[in-house]
Amino acid sequence: KQTDLLSSSIFNTKLLLAEITETFETHPDFVFWVEEKLEPPTVLRWTEEFSDIPIKVEDMLLYLSRCSYDLTTLNKKASLKNTPVNYFYGCLRRNKTYLPPQGFKTIEERILEDKRKIVEELESRVRDLQELEEKEKQANIEIKFREMMREETGELYNACLNNIPAVFKNSDRSGPGFKTAMKQVFMKSEIVDQIYGGV
């Protein structure tokens, strides 16, 4: 059984080391640590050193991510008296954590923020497009209405004329009341339906 426990422990260690190594190789926040010659086995050793707290591997990676942001984006590296690796380890020994610096966001939060901006931009473009399409339809309706109003002998003109309230039929045909009445009937015509795609 002791052999089984030892085998299991070695297996878990290998898994954790693989997780740290993959993060170092693929995560943009860890380019800094690779350049600073921090090795994945060192990170694993730290988690074992602080196992009484405990600091899990994912916590340690998050703290490293916060620290790299602090040292690069906030330029704290310029005032260090020690190497970044030793500075981080010292913080860990003193505080058992690395608190998030001002403005820090995890890569997941940054990706989410970028996606949100993209979606908002797309939604804005859709609204602009819908507004332009609506203006185009209204312009086409106005053109068709004016064409109809010029053809007093036309079928559509007379169809609209027959359906307006009697009070407007014998009124001044150049006046706003007559035109408004004709427009209201015209808006129910097939031409308008066709402009709106049959809706």
C-alpha atoms as a PDB file:
ATOM      1  CA  LYS A   1       0.000   0.000   0.000  1.00  0.00           C
ATOM      2  CA  GLN A   2       2.856   2.346   0.795  1.00  0.00           C
ATOM      3  CA  THR A   3       4.239   1.624  -2.676  1.00  0.00           C
ATOM      4  CA  ASP A   4       0.834   2.475  -4.168  1.00  0.00           C
ATOM      5  CA  LEU A   5       0.745   5.772  -2.269  1.00  0.00           C
ATOM      6  CA  LEU A   6       4.237   6.606  -3.445  1.00  0.00           C
ATOM      7  CA  SER A   7       3.322   5.775  -7.057  1.00  0.00           C
ATOM      8  CA  SER A   8       0.183   7.892  -6.769  1.00  0.00           C
ATOM      9  CA  SER A   9       2.186  10.793  -5.329  1.00  0.00           C
ATOM     10  CA  ILE A  10       4.744  10.603  -8.160  1.00  0.00           C
ATOM     11  CA  PHE A  11       1.925  10.464 -10.707  1.00  0.00           C
ATOM     12  CA  ASN A  12       0.229  13.534  -9.168  1.00  0.00           C
ATOM     13  CA  THR A  13       3.539  15.403  -9.118  1.00  0.00           C
ATOM     14  CA  LYS A  14       4.039  14.654 -12.823  1.00  0.00           C
ATOM     15  CA  LEU A  15       0.525  15.865 -13.601  1.00  0.00           C
ATOM     16  CA  LEU A  16       1.017  19.112 -11.687  1.00  0.00           C
ATOM     17  CA  LEU A  17       4.387  19.695 -13.305  1.00  0.00           C
ATOM     18  CA  ALA A  18       2.817  19.118 -16.726  1.00  0.00           C
ATOM     19  CA  GLU A  19       0.094  21.663 -15.899  1.00  0.00           C
ATOM     20  CA  ILE A  20       2.657  24.275 -14.828  1.00  0.00           C
ATOM     21  CA  THR A  21       4.858  23.596 -17.869  1.00  0.00           C
ATOM     22  CA  GLU A  22       1.922  23.908 -20.263  1.00  0.00           C
ATOM     23  CA  THR A  23       0.913  27.215 -18.662  1.00  0.00           C
ATOM     24  CA  PHE A  24       4.459  28.542 -18.986  1.00  0.00           C
ATOM     25  CA  GLU A  25       4.579  27.521 -22.652  1.00  0.00           C
ATOM     26  CA  THR A  26       1.133  28.741 -23.742  1.00  0.00           C
ATOM     27  CA  HIS A  27      -0.086  31.515 -21.419  1.00  0.00           C
ATOM     28  CA  PRO A  28       0.942  35.057 -22.474  1.00  0.00           C
ATOM     29  CA  ASP A  29       1.254  36.205 -18.856  1.00  0.00           C
ATOM     30  CA  PHE A  30       4.129  33.764 -18.336  1.00  0.00           C
ATOM     31  CA  VAL A  31       6.417  34.968 -21.122  1.00  0.00           C
ATOM     32  CA  PHE A  32       7.894  37.287 -18.495  1.00  0.00           C
ATOM     33  CA  TRP A  33       8.700  34.419 -16.131  1.00  0.00           C
ATOM     34  CA  VAL A  34      10.216  32.316 -18.901  1.00  0.00           C
ATOM     35  CA  GLU A  35      12.487  35.260 -19.734  1.00  0.00           C
ATOM     36  CA  GLU A  36      13.375  35.543 -16.031  1.00  0.00           C
ATOM     37  CA  LYS A  37      14.480  31.890 -16.108  1.00  0.00           C
ATOM     38  CA  LEU A  38      11.856  30.708 -13.622  1.00  0.00           C
ATOM     39  CA  GLU A  39      11.505  26.937 -14.047  1.00  0.00           C
ATOM     40  CA  PRO A  40       8.245  24.942 -13.611  1.00  0.00           C
ATOM     41  CA  PRO A  41       9.881  22.561 -11.070  1.00  0.00           C
ATOM     42  CA  THR A  42      10.660  25.602  -8.894  1.00  0.00           C
ATOM     43  CA  VAL A  43       6.987  26.624  -8.960  1.00  0.00           C
ATOM     44  CA  LEU A  44       5.988  23.087  -7.988  1.00  0.00           C
ATOM     45  CA  ARG A  45       8.516  23.115  -5.162  1.00  0.00           C
ATOM     46  CA  TRP A  46       6.974  26.360  -3.851  1.00  0.00           C
ATOM     47  CA  THR A  47       3.517  24.780  -3.752  1.00  0.00           C
ATOM     48  CA  GLU A  48       4.974  21.925  -1.699  1.00  0.00           C
ATOM     49  CA  GLU A  49       6.781  24.386   0.581  1.00  0.00           C
ATOM     50  CA  PHE A  50       3.553  26.267   1.291  1.00  0.00           C
ATOM     51  CA  SER A  51       1.313  23.193   1.329  1.00  0.00           C
ATOM     52  CA  ASP A  52       0.314  23.910   4.945  1.00  0.00           C
ATOM     53  CA  ILE A  53      -1.555  27.077   3.857  1.00  0.00           C
ATOM     54  CA  PRO A  54      -2.260  25.523   1.280  1.00  0.00           C
ATOM     55  CA  ILE A  55      -1.294  27.226  -1.971  1.00  0.00           C
ATOM     56  CA  LYS A  56      -2.583  25.099  -4.841  1.00  0.00           C
ATOM     57  CA  VAL A  57      -0.952  25.085  -8.266  1.00  0.00           C
ATOM     58  CA  GLU A  58      -3.746  27.191  -9.788  1.00  0.00           C
ATOM     59  CA  ASP A  59      -3.361  29.730  -6.963  1.00  0.00           C
ATOM     60  CA  MET A  60       0.398  29.896  -7.458  1.00  0.00           C
ATOM     61  CA  LEU A  61      -0.055  30.472 -11.193  1.00  0.00           C
ATOM     62  CA  LEU A  62      -2.562  33.227 -10.502  1.00  0.00           C
ATOM     63  CA  TYR A  63      -0.156  34.915  -8.068  1.00  0.00           C
ATOM     64  CA  LEU A  64       2.622  34.721 -10.676  1.00  0.00           C
ATOM     65  CA  SER A  65       0.285  36.255 -13.239  1.00  0.00           C
ATOM     66  CA  ARG A  66      -0.557  39.114 -10.853  1.00  0.00           C
ATOM     67  CA  CYS A  67       3.120  39.659 -10.065  1.00  0.00           C
ATOM     68  CA  SER A  68       4.178  39.788 -13.730  1.00  0.00           C
ATOM     69  CA  TYR A  69       1.479  42.433 -14.328  1.00  0.00           C
ATOM     70  CA  ASP A  70       2.751  44.381 -11.318  1.00  0.00           C
ATOM     71  CA  LEU A  71       6.373  44.237 -12.473  1.00  0.00           C
ATOM     72  CA  THR A  72       5.786  44.942 -16.176  1.00  0.00           C
ATOM     73  CA  THR A  73       2.557  46.869 -16.775  1.00  0.00           C
ATOM     74  CA  LEU A  74       2.895  48.888 -13.555  1.00  0.00           C
ATOM     75  CA  ASN A  75       6.707  49.000 -14.005  1.00  0.00           C
ATOM     76  CA  LYS A  76       7.535  47.912 -10.463  1.00  0.00           C
ATOM     77  CA  LYS A  77      10.485  45.926 -11.848  1.00  0.00           C
ATOM     78  CA  ALA A  78      12.448  49.186 -12.295  1.00  0.00           C
ATOM     79  CA  SER A  79      12.584  49.733  -8.528  1.00  0.00           C
ATOM     80  CA  LEU A  80      13.437  46.136  -7.518  1.00  0.00           C
ATOM     81  CA  LYS A  81      16.583  45.548  -5.500  1.00  0.00           C
ATOM     82  CA  ASN A  82      16.322  41.831  -6.152  1.00  0.00           C
ATOM     83  CA  THR A  83      15.580  39.592  -9.131  1.00  0.00           C
ATOM     84  CA  PRO A  84      11.863  39.263 -10.005  1.00  0.00           C
ATOM     85  CA  VAL A  85      11.937  35.564  -9.054  1.00  0.00           C
ATOM     86  CA  ASN A  86      13.421  36.310  -5.623  1.00  0.00           C
ATOM     87  CA  TYR A  87      11.064  39.255  -5.183  1.00  0.00           C
ATOM     88  CA  PHE A  88       8.034  37.031  -5.848  1.00  0.00           C
ATOM     89  CA  TYR A  89       9.306  34.315  -3.517  1.00  0.00           C
ATOM     90  CA  GLY A  90       9.903  36.901  -0.794  1.00  0.00           C
ATOM     91  CA  CYS A  91       6.324  38.207  -1.149  1.00  0.00           C
ATOM     92  CA  LEU A  92       5.060  34.651  -0.931  1.00  0.00           C
ATOM     93  CA  ARG A  93       7.019  33.945   2.243  1.00  0.00           C
ATOM     94  CA  ARG A  94       5.821  37.157   3.894  1.00  0.00           C
ATOM     95  CA  ASN A  95       2.196  37.293   2.768  1.00  0.00           C
ATOM     96  CA  LYS A  96       1.374  33.716   1.676  1.00  0.00           C
ATOM     97  CA  THR A  97      -0.349  35.289  -1.343  1.00  0.00           C
ATOM     98  CA  TYR A  98       0.090  37.975  -3.998  1.00  0.00           C
ATOM     99  CA  LEU A  99      -2.802  40.403  -3.925  1.00  0.00           C
ATOM    100  CA  PRO A 100      -4.168  41.658  -7.261  1.00  0.00           C
ATOM    101  CA  PRO A 101      -2.506  44.927  -8.326  1.00  0.00           C
ATOM    102  CA  GLN A 102      -4.640  47.893  -9.365  1.00  0.00           C
ATOM    103  CA  GLY A 103      -6.201  47.287 -12.778  1.00  0.00           C
ATOM    104  CA  PHE A 104      -5.209  43.615 -12.919  1.00  0.00           C
ATOM    105  CA  LYS A 105      -7.459  41.291 -14.904  1.00  0.00           C
ATOM    106  CA  THR A 106      -6.949  37.627 -15.582  1.00  0.00           C
ATOM    107  CA  ILE A 107      -6.583  36.581 -19.198  1.00  0.00           C
ATOM    108  CA  GLU A 108     -10.068  35.048 -19.010  1.00  0.00           C
ATOM    109  CA  GLU A 109     -11.467  38.414 -17.901  1.00  0.00           C
ATOM    110  CA  ARG A 110      -9.537  40.175 -20.672  1.00  0.00           C
ATOM    111  CA  ILE A 111     -10.839  37.743 -23.306  1.00  0.00           C
ATOM    112  CA  LEU A 112     -14.381  38.212 -21.994  1.00  0.00           C
ATOM    113  CA  GLU A 113     -13.966  41.988 -22.109  1.00  0.00           C
ATOM    114  CA  ASP A 114     -12.644  41.853 -25.688  1.00  0.00           C
ATOM    115  CA  LYS A 115     -15.522  39.598 -26.763  1.00  0.00           C
ATOM    116  CA  ARG A 116     -18.015  41.926 -25.068  1.00  0.00           C
ATOM    117  CA  LYS A 117     -16.562  44.883 -27.006  1.00  0.00           C
ATOM    118  CA  ILE A 118     -16.759  42.935 -30.277  1.00  0.00           C
ATOM    119  CA  VAL A 119     -20.389  41.966 -29.611  1.00  0.00           C
ATOM    120  CA  GLU A 120     -21.309  45.546 -28.660  1.00  0.00           C
ATOM    121  CA  GLU A 121     -19.679  46.816 -31.856  1.00  0.00           C
ATOM    122  CA  LEU A 122     -21.549  44.232 -33.953  1.00  0.00           C
ATOM    123  CA  GLU A 123     -24.842  45.111 -32.242  1.00  0.00           C
ATOM    124  CA  SER A 124     -24.195  48.794 -32.938  1.00  0.00           C
ATOM    125  CA  ARG A 125     -23.535  48.019 -36.612  1.00  0.00           C
ATOM    126  CA  VAL A 126     -26.746  45.967 -36.792  1.00  0.00           C
ATOM    127  CA  ARG A 127     -28.723  48.879 -35.281  1.00  0.00           C
ATOM    128  CA  ASP A 128     -27.135  51.293 -37.789  1.00  0.00           C
ATOM    129  CA  LEU A 129     -27.955  48.937 -40.643  1.00  0.00           C
ATOM    130  CA  GLN A 130     -31.565  48.514 -39.471  1.00  0.00           C
ATOM    131  CA  GLU A 131     -31.903  52.290 -39.173  1.00  0.00           C
ATOM    132  CA  LEU A 132     -30.528  52.801 -42.701  1.00  0.00           C
ATOM    133  CA  GLU A 133     -32.820  50.095 -44.094  1.00  0.00           C
ATOM    134  CA  GLU A 134     -35.806  51.750 -42.412  1.00  0.00           C
ATOM    135  CA  LYS A 135     -34.832  55.162 -43.825  1.00  0.00           C
ATOM    136  CA  GLU A 136     -34.450  53.617 -47.286  1.00  0.00           C
ATOM    137  CA  LYS A 137     -37.929  52.072 -47.042  1.00  0.00           C
ATOM    138  CA  GLN A 138     -39.458  55.361 -45.853  1.00  0.00           C
ATOM    139  CA  ALA A 139     -37.734  57.183 -48.718  1.00  0.00           C
ATOM    140  CA  ASN A 140     -39.085  54.641 -51.240  1.00  0.00           C
ATOM    141  CA  ILE A 141     -42.586  54.993 -49.770  1.00  0.00           C
ATOM    142  CA  GLU A 142     -42.417  58.783 -50.052  1.00  0.00           C
ATOM    143  CA  ILE A 143     -41.251  58.540 -53.680  1.00  0.00           C
ATOM    144  CA  LYS A 144     -44.090  56.113 -54.571  1.00  0.00           C
ATOM    145  CA  PHE A 145     -46.616  58.294 -52.740  1.00  0.00           C
ATOM    146  CA  ARG A 146     -45.550  61.432 -54.624  1.00  0.00           C
ATOM    147  CA  GLU A 147     -45.625  59.527 -57.926  1.00  0.00           C
ATOM    148  CA  MET A 148     -49.179  58.403 -57.122  1.00  0.00           C
ATOM    149  CA  MET A 149     -50.267  61.926 -56.158  1.00  0.00           C
ATOM    150  CA  ARG A 150     -49.091  63.226 -59.563  1.00  0.00           C
ATOM    151  CA  GLU A 151     -51.231  60.649 -61.402  1.00  0.00           C
ATOM    152  CA  GLU A 152     -54.763  61.766 -60.509  1.00  0.00           C
ATOM    153  CA  THR A 153     -56.225  59.470 -63.138  1.00  0.00           C
ATOM    154  CA  GLY A 154     -54.290  56.466 -61.881  1.00  0.00           C
ATOM    155  CA  GLU A 155     -55.937  53.383 -60.405  1.00  0.00           C
ATOM    156  CA  LEU A 156     -54.135  53.615 -57.046  1.00  0.00           C
ATOM    157  CA  TYR A 157     -54.876  57.335 -56.683  1.00  0.00           C
ATOM    158  CA  ASN A 158     -58.595  56.748 -57.188  1.00  0.00           C
ATOM    159  CA  ALA A 159     -58.584  53.706 -54.901  1.00  0.00           C
ATOM    160  CA  CYS A 160     -57.074  55.847 -52.126  1.00  0.00           C
ATOM    161  CA  LEU A 161     -59.458  58.742 -52.933  1.00  0.00           C
ATOM    162  CA  ASN A 162     -62.486  56.445 -52.569  1.00  0.00           C
ATOM    163  CA  ASN A 163     -61.310  55.362 -49.115  1.00  0.00           C
ATOM    164  CA  ILE A 164     -60.525  58.694 -47.471  1.00  0.00           C
ATOM    165  CA  PRO A 165     -63.110  60.335 -45.182  1.00  0.00           C
ATOM    166  CA  ALA A 166     -65.774  62.280 -47.105  1.00  0.00           C
ATOM    167  CA  VAL A 167     -64.772  65.539 -45.440  1.00  0.00           C
ATOM    168  CA  PHE A 168     -61.454  65.463 -47.337  1.00  0.00           C
ATOM    169  CA  LYS A 169     -62.750  64.334 -50.766  1.00  0.00           C
ATOM    170  CA  ASN A 170     -64.019  67.757 -51.730  1.00  0.00           C
ATOM    171  CA  SER A 171     -61.372  69.711 -49.829  1.00  0.00           C
ATOM    172  CA  ASP A 172     -58.400  71.576 -51.298  1.00  0.00           C
ATOM    173  CA  ARG A 173     -56.310  68.808 -52.855  1.00  0.00           C
ATOM    174  CA  SER A 174     -53.102  70.767 -52.371  1.00  0.00           C
ATOM    175  CA  GLY A 175     -53.775  71.187 -48.653  1.00  0.00           C
ATOM    176  CA  PRO A 176     -52.133  69.183 -45.863  1.00  0.00           C
ATOM    177  CA  GLY A 177     -55.399  67.558 -44.676  1.00  0.00           C
ATOM    178  CA  PHE A 178     -56.077  65.961 -48.061  1.00  0.00           C
ATOM    179  CA  LYS A 179     -52.495  64.768 -48.444  1.00  0.00           C
ATOM    180  CA  THR A 180     -52.440  63.305 -44.925  1.00  0.00           C
ATOM    181  CA  ALA A 181     -55.711  61.430 -45.544  1.00  0.00           C
ATOM    182  CA  MET A 182     -54.410  60.060 -48.844  1.00  0.00           C
ATOM    183  CA  LYS A 183     -51.102  59.049 -47.219  1.00  0.00           C
ATOM    184  CA  GLN A 184     -52.899  57.121 -44.456  1.00  0.00           C
ATOM    185  CA  VAL A 185     -54.824  55.067 -47.012  1.00  0.00           C
ATOM    186  CA  PHE A 186     -51.752  54.708 -49.242  1.00  0.00           C
ATOM    187  CA  MET A 187     -49.799  53.222 -46.305  1.00  0.00           C
ATOM    188  CA  LYS A 188     -52.220  50.259 -46.337  1.00  0.00           C
ATOM    189  CA  SER A 189     -51.625  49.555 -50.031  1.00  0.00           C
ATOM    190  CA  GLU A 190     -49.815  46.603 -51.613  1.00  0.00           C
ATOM    191  CA  ILE A 191     -46.981  48.870 -52.748  1.00  0.00           C
ATOM    192  CA  VAL A 192     -46.053  49.598 -49.137  1.00  0.00           C
ATOM    193  CA  ASP A 193     -46.352  45.884 -48.291  1.00  0.00           C
ATOM    194  CA  GLN A 194     -43.932  45.101 -51.135  1.00  0.00           C
ATOM    195  CA  ILE A 195     -41.427  47.701 -49.911  1.00  0.00           C
ATOM    196  CA  TYR A 196     -41.537  46.062 -46.465  1.00  0.00           C
ATOM    197  CA  GLY A 197     -41.045  42.652 -47.999  1.00  0.00           C
ATOM    198  CA  GLY A 198     -44.619  41.505 -47.623  1.00  0.00           C
ATOM    199  CA  VAL A 199     -44.600  42.003 -43.844  1.00  0.00           C
END
